Amino acid sequence: MTKRLAPLAALVAAALAVAGCGSSGGAYGGSSSATTGKPASTSPEATGAAVITVATTPKLGKVIVDSKGFTLYDFNKDKGTTSSCYGGCTQVWPPLTSGGAPQVGEGAVASKLGTTKRKDGTMQVTYAGHPLYTYVADKKPGDTTGNDFSAFGGQWHALLPSGEAAGG
């Protein structure tokens, strides 16, 4: 009986070892933050100040991006700097939060950066008065699949360095 259980025990041990090497946080690895959708322990947004830069995307040209190069979006349902994206919305459109004053990177305009306080007390980054979000369907830097997208009662648009909505 022991000889029959040994291979099963080895299989279980191997499966546990492989599972331990995997990721619990989706495409980014690590644990996920409810407000950003990015890793809670390794993301610059989670451990300090968010950094906003400009990158050139294949479909839209230059847009603002987070520290990992992911496109940042505006939600036209937001009222001024007050976010309208809560609950299930944040699972699809994670707000870009910052543990300190956001920092400007190459191509972004420092005077356009700001923050707004969310209902949970976190500070969401704003650009040209627009609260910023990432989109979970963007799988790699340069993706802009959320641009001109309708969801959660409003339109979503990538933002140009000027703070204007990108074309579709």
C-alpha atoms as a PDB file:
ATOM      1  CA  MET A   1       0.000   0.000   0.000  1.00  0.00           C
ATOM      2  CA  THR A   2       2.863   2.402   0.823  1.00  0.00           C
ATOM      3  CA  LYS A   3       4.407   1.796  -2.614  1.00  0.00           C
ATOM      4  CA  ARG A   4       1.150   2.894  -4.294  1.00  0.00           C
ATOM      5  CA  LEU A   5       0.886   6.086  -2.236  1.00  0.00           C
ATOM      6  CA  ALA A   6       4.484   7.172  -2.835  1.00  0.00           C
ATOM      7  CA  PRO A   7       3.919   8.214  -6.485  1.00  0.00           C
ATOM      8  CA  LEU A   8       0.729  10.027  -5.488  1.00  0.00           C
ATOM      9  CA  ALA A   9       2.540  11.874  -2.699  1.00  0.00           C
ATOM     10  CA  ALA A  10       5.317  12.825  -5.134  1.00  0.00           C
ATOM     11  CA  LEU A  11       2.717  14.158  -7.590  1.00  0.00           C
ATOM     12  CA  VAL A  12       1.010  16.207  -4.891  1.00  0.00           C
ATOM     13  CA  ALA A  13       4.361  17.593  -3.701  1.00  0.00           C
ATOM     14  CA  ALA A  14       5.339  18.522  -7.275  1.00  0.00           C
ATOM     15  CA  ALA A  15       1.989  20.213  -7.881  1.00  0.00           C
ATOM     16  CA  LEU A  16       2.352  22.225  -4.681  1.00  0.00           C
ATOM     17  CA  ALA A  17       5.887  23.252  -5.619  1.00  0.00           C
ATOM     18  CA  VAL A  18       4.759  24.423  -9.058  1.00  0.00           C
ATOM     19  CA  ALA A  19       1.786  26.265  -7.569  1.00  0.00           C
ATOM     20  CA  GLY A  20       4.097  28.013  -5.118  1.00  0.00           C
ATOM     21  CA  CYS A  21       6.192  29.316  -8.004  1.00  0.00           C
ATOM     22  CA  GLY A  22       3.158  30.717  -9.768  1.00  0.00           C
ATOM     23  CA  SER A  23       1.575  34.090  -9.428  1.00  0.00           C
ATOM     24  CA  SER A  24      -1.487  34.990  -7.432  1.00  0.00           C
ATOM     25  CA  GLY A  25      -1.796  38.476  -8.874  1.00  0.00           C
ATOM     26  CA  GLY A  26      -2.720  37.890 -12.478  1.00  0.00           C
ATOM     27  CA  ALA A  27      -0.631  39.258 -15.327  1.00  0.00           C
ATOM     28  CA  TYR A  28       1.630  41.309 -13.064  1.00  0.00           C
ATOM     29  CA  GLY A  29       2.583  38.613 -10.554  1.00  0.00           C
ATOM     30  CA  GLY A  30       2.591  38.928  -6.780  1.00  0.00           C
ATOM     31  CA  SER A  31      -0.374  39.980  -4.720  1.00  0.00           C
ATOM     32  CA  SER A  32      -2.839  42.402  -6.219  1.00  0.00           C
ATOM     33  CA  SER A  33      -3.999  45.691  -4.772  1.00  0.00           C
ATOM     34  CA  ALA A  34      -7.745  46.316  -4.888  1.00  0.00           C
ATOM     35  CA  THR A  35      -7.258  49.925  -5.947  1.00  0.00           C
ATOM     36  CA  THR A  36      -4.619  49.563  -8.618  1.00  0.00           C
ATOM     37  CA  GLY A  37      -4.896  45.991  -9.874  1.00  0.00           C
ATOM     38  CA  LYS A  38      -1.089  46.015  -9.861  1.00  0.00           C
ATOM     39  CA  PRO A  39       1.149  44.195  -7.354  1.00  0.00           C
ATOM     40  CA  ALA A  40       0.764  45.646  -3.881  1.00  0.00           C
ATOM     41  CA  SER A  41       4.332  44.951  -2.770  1.00  0.00           C
ATOM     42  CA  THR A  42       6.428  45.752  -5.839  1.00  0.00           C
ATOM     43  CA  SER A  43       4.557  48.433  -7.758  1.00  0.00           C
ATOM     44  CA  PRO A  44       5.958  51.983  -7.506  1.00  0.00           C
ATOM     45  CA  GLU A  45       2.331  53.151  -7.303  1.00  0.00           C
ATOM     46  CA  ALA A  46       1.797  51.008  -4.194  1.00  0.00           C
ATOM     47  CA  THR A  47       5.095  51.722  -2.448  1.00  0.00           C
ATOM     48  CA  GLY A  48       5.512  55.409  -3.182  1.00  0.00           C
ATOM     49  CA  ALA A  49       4.773  58.117  -5.649  1.00  0.00           C
ATOM     50  CA  ALA A  50       3.246  57.304  -9.025  1.00  0.00           C
ATOM     51  CA  VAL A  51       5.299  58.327 -12.045  1.00  0.00           C
ATOM     52  CA  ILE A  52       3.546  59.573 -15.188  1.00  0.00           C
ATOM     53  CA  THR A  53       5.406  59.621 -18.497  1.00  0.00           C
ATOM     54  CA  VAL A  54       4.566  59.745 -22.194  1.00  0.00           C
ATOM     55  CA  ALA A  55       4.944  56.809 -24.570  1.00  0.00           C
ATOM     56  CA  THR A  56       4.214  56.313 -28.241  1.00  0.00           C
ATOM     57  CA  THR A  57       1.565  53.684 -28.920  1.00  0.00           C
ATOM     58  CA  PRO A  58       1.008  51.953 -32.279  1.00  0.00           C
ATOM     59  CA  LYS A  59      -2.642  53.042 -32.633  1.00  0.00           C
ATOM     60  CA  LEU A  60      -2.886  56.421 -30.896  1.00  0.00           C
ATOM     61  CA  GLY A  61       0.591  57.919 -30.997  1.00  0.00           C
ATOM     62  CA  LYS A  62       1.760  59.659 -27.821  1.00  0.00           C
ATOM     63  CA  VAL A  63      -0.325  59.062 -24.675  1.00  0.00           C
ATOM     64  CA  ILE A  64       0.353  59.293 -20.956  1.00  0.00           C
ATOM     65  CA  VAL A  65       1.359  56.057 -19.241  1.00  0.00           C
ATOM     66  CA  ASP A  66       2.158  54.744 -15.771  1.00  0.00           C
ATOM     67  CA  SER A  67       5.615  53.694 -14.552  1.00  0.00           C
ATOM     68  CA  LYS A  68       5.273  50.322 -16.324  1.00  0.00           C
ATOM     69  CA  GLY A  69       4.294  51.874 -19.657  1.00  0.00           C
ATOM     70  CA  PHE A  70       0.587  51.019 -19.392  1.00  0.00           C
ATOM     71  CA  THR A  71      -1.850  53.467 -20.965  1.00  0.00           C
ATOM     72  CA  LEU A  72      -3.767  55.755 -18.608  1.00  0.00           C
ATOM     73  CA  TYR A  73      -7.437  56.503 -19.205  1.00  0.00           C
ATOM     74  CA  ASP A  74     -10.039  59.147 -18.401  1.00  0.00           C
ATOM     75  CA  PHE A  75     -13.662  58.260 -17.541  1.00  0.00           C
ATOM     76  CA  ASN A  76     -16.094  60.869 -18.878  1.00  0.00           C
ATOM     77  CA  LYS A  77     -18.593  60.039 -16.138  1.00  0.00           C
ATOM     78  CA  ASP A  78     -16.236  61.516 -13.507  1.00  0.00           C
ATOM     79  CA  LYS A  79     -17.295  64.936 -12.218  1.00  0.00           C
ATOM     80  CA  GLY A  80     -14.233  67.182 -12.230  1.00  0.00           C
ATOM     81  CA  THR A  81     -11.588  65.438 -10.150  1.00  0.00           C
ATOM     82  CA  THR A  82     -14.174  63.265  -8.343  1.00  0.00           C
ATOM     83  CA  SER A  83     -14.091  59.621  -9.422  1.00  0.00           C
ATOM     84  CA  SER A  84     -17.308  57.833 -10.376  1.00  0.00           C
ATOM     85  CA  CYS A  85     -15.592  54.440 -10.658  1.00  0.00           C
ATOM     86  CA  TYR A  86     -16.164  52.236  -7.604  1.00  0.00           C
ATOM     87  CA  GLY A  87     -17.052  48.611  -6.875  1.00  0.00           C
ATOM     88  CA  GLY A  88     -16.972  46.371  -9.949  1.00  0.00           C
ATOM     89  CA  CYS A  89     -15.744  49.264 -12.065  1.00  0.00           C
ATOM     90  CA  THR A  90     -12.398  49.295 -10.228  1.00  0.00           C
ATOM     91  CA  GLN A  91     -11.898  45.605 -11.028  1.00  0.00           C
ATOM     92  CA  VAL A  92     -11.877  46.432 -14.744  1.00  0.00           C
ATOM     93  CA  TRP A  93     -10.542  50.007 -14.567  1.00  0.00           C
ATOM     94  CA  PRO A  94      -8.135  50.125 -11.589  1.00  0.00           C
ATOM     95  CA  PRO A  95      -7.593  53.708 -10.397  1.00  0.00           C
ATOM     96  CA  LEU A  96      -3.980  54.871 -10.465  1.00  0.00           C
ATOM     97  CA  THR A  97      -3.170  55.666  -6.841  1.00  0.00           C
ATOM     98  CA  SER A  98      -0.093  57.211  -5.313  1.00  0.00           C
ATOM     99  CA  GLY A  99       1.529  56.975  -1.893  1.00  0.00           C
ATOM    100  CA  GLY A 100       2.929  60.483  -2.294  1.00  0.00           C
ATOM    101  CA  ALA A 101       2.913  63.402  -4.687  1.00  0.00           C
ATOM    102  CA  PRO A 102       2.905  61.982  -8.235  1.00  0.00           C
ATOM    103  CA  GLN A 103       6.075  62.504 -10.212  1.00  0.00           C
ATOM    104  CA  VAL A 104       6.411  63.677 -13.781  1.00  0.00           C
ATOM    105  CA  GLY A 105       8.511  61.638 -16.177  1.00  0.00           C
ATOM    106  CA  GLU A 106       9.658  62.281 -19.717  1.00  0.00           C
ATOM    107  CA  GLY A 107       7.089  64.083 -21.857  1.00  0.00           C
ATOM    108  CA  ALA A 108       4.452  64.624 -19.166  1.00  0.00           C
ATOM    109  CA  VAL A 109       3.605  68.138 -17.942  1.00  0.00           C
ATOM    110  CA  ALA A 110       4.229  68.654 -14.215  1.00  0.00           C
ATOM    111  CA  SER A 111       1.608  71.403 -13.877  1.00  0.00           C
ATOM    112  CA  LYS A 112      -1.070  68.961 -15.083  1.00  0.00           C
ATOM    113  CA  LEU A 113      -0.372  66.389 -12.311  1.00  0.00           C
ATOM    114  CA  GLY A 114      -2.454  66.267  -9.168  1.00  0.00           C
ATOM    115  CA  THR A 115      -4.351  63.960  -6.837  1.00  0.00           C
ATOM    116  CA  THR A 116      -7.894  63.509  -5.611  1.00  0.00           C
ATOM    117  CA  LYS A 117      -9.034  61.687  -2.505  1.00  0.00           C
ATOM    118  CA  ARG A 118     -11.149  58.566  -3.114  1.00  0.00           C
ATOM    119  CA  LYS A 119     -13.936  57.401  -0.781  1.00  0.00           C
ATOM    120  CA  ASP A 120     -11.572  54.811   0.725  1.00  0.00           C
ATOM    121  CA  GLY A 121      -9.026  57.512   1.587  1.00  0.00           C
ATOM    122  CA  THR A 122      -6.472  56.592  -1.084  1.00  0.00           C
ATOM    123  CA  MET A 123      -5.087  59.307  -3.315  1.00  0.00           C
ATOM    124  CA  GLN A 124      -5.888  58.874  -7.004  1.00  0.00           C
ATOM    125  CA  VAL A 125      -3.614  60.561  -9.533  1.00  0.00           C
ATOM    126  CA  THR A 126      -5.151  63.165 -11.833  1.00  0.00           C
ATOM    127  CA  TYR A 127      -3.823  64.651 -15.056  1.00  0.00           C
ATOM    128  CA  ALA A 128      -5.281  67.894 -16.417  1.00  0.00           C
ATOM    129  CA  GLY A 129      -8.054  67.457 -13.839  1.00  0.00           C
ATOM    130  CA  HIS A 130      -8.953  63.904 -14.954  1.00  0.00           C
ATOM    131  CA  PRO A 131      -8.733  61.005 -12.454  1.00  0.00           C
ATOM    132  CA  LEU A 132      -6.553  58.308 -14.059  1.00  0.00           C
ATOM    133  CA  TYR A 133      -7.184  54.588 -14.541  1.00  0.00           C
ATOM    134  CA  THR A 134      -5.510  51.620 -16.165  1.00  0.00           C
ATOM    135  CA  TYR A 135      -7.470  48.934 -18.038  1.00  0.00           C
ATOM    136  CA  VAL A 136      -7.119  45.230 -17.220  1.00  0.00           C
ATOM    137  CA  ALA A 137      -7.502  44.165 -20.867  1.00  0.00           C
ATOM    138  CA  ASP A 138      -4.295  46.046 -21.755  1.00  0.00           C
ATOM    139  CA  LYS A 139      -1.853  43.166 -21.454  1.00  0.00           C
ATOM    140  CA  LYS A 140       1.399  44.919 -22.350  1.00  0.00           C
ATOM    141  CA  PRO A 141       2.844  48.419 -22.544  1.00  0.00           C
ATOM    142  CA  GLY A 142       1.558  50.195 -25.643  1.00  0.00           C
ATOM    143  CA  ASP A 143      -1.851  48.496 -25.607  1.00  0.00           C
ATOM    144  CA  THR A 144      -4.743  50.951 -25.911  1.00  0.00           C
ATOM    145  CA  THR A 145      -7.691  48.554 -26.008  1.00  0.00           C
ATOM    146  CA  GLY A 146      -9.693  50.710 -23.595  1.00  0.00           C
ATOM    147  CA  ASN A 147      -9.725  53.787 -25.802  1.00  0.00           C
ATOM    148  CA  ASP A 148     -13.162  54.957 -26.961  1.00  0.00           C
ATOM    149  CA  PHE A 149     -14.720  52.161 -24.904  1.00  0.00           C
ATOM    150  CA  SER A 150     -18.153  52.392 -23.310  1.00  0.00           C
ATOM    151  CA  ALA A 151     -18.564  50.748 -19.886  1.00  0.00           C
ATOM    152  CA  PHE A 152     -19.995  51.497 -16.431  1.00  0.00           C
ATOM    153  CA  GLY A 153     -22.206  54.273 -17.746  1.00  0.00           C
ATOM    154  CA  GLY A 154     -19.607  56.323 -19.589  1.00  0.00           C
ATOM    155  CA  GLN A 155     -16.870  56.525 -22.214  1.00  0.00           C
ATOM    156  CA  TRP A 156     -13.206  55.788 -21.540  1.00  0.00           C
ATOM    157  CA  HIS A 157     -10.381  57.497 -23.421  1.00  0.00           C
ATOM    158  CA  ALA A 158      -6.607  57.398 -23.332  1.00  0.00           C
ATOM    159  CA  LEU A 159      -5.173  60.829 -22.575  1.00  0.00           C
ATOM    160  CA  LEU A 160      -2.746  62.748 -24.758  1.00  0.00           C
ATOM    161  CA  PRO A 161       0.135  64.646 -23.098  1.00  0.00           C
ATOM    162  CA  SER A 162      -2.004  67.790 -23.514  1.00  0.00           C
ATOM    163  CA  GLY A 163      -4.667  66.263 -21.248  1.00  0.00           C
ATOM    164  CA  GLU A 164      -7.134  65.910 -24.136  1.00  0.00           C
ATOM    165  CA  ALA A 165      -8.860  62.616 -24.985  1.00  0.00           C
ATOM    166  CA  ALA A 166      -7.140  60.562 -27.689  1.00  0.00           C
ATOM    167  CA  GLY A 167      -8.964  59.880 -30.950  1.00  0.00           C
ATOM    168  CA  GLY A 168     -10.510  56.507 -31.684  1.00  0.00           C
END
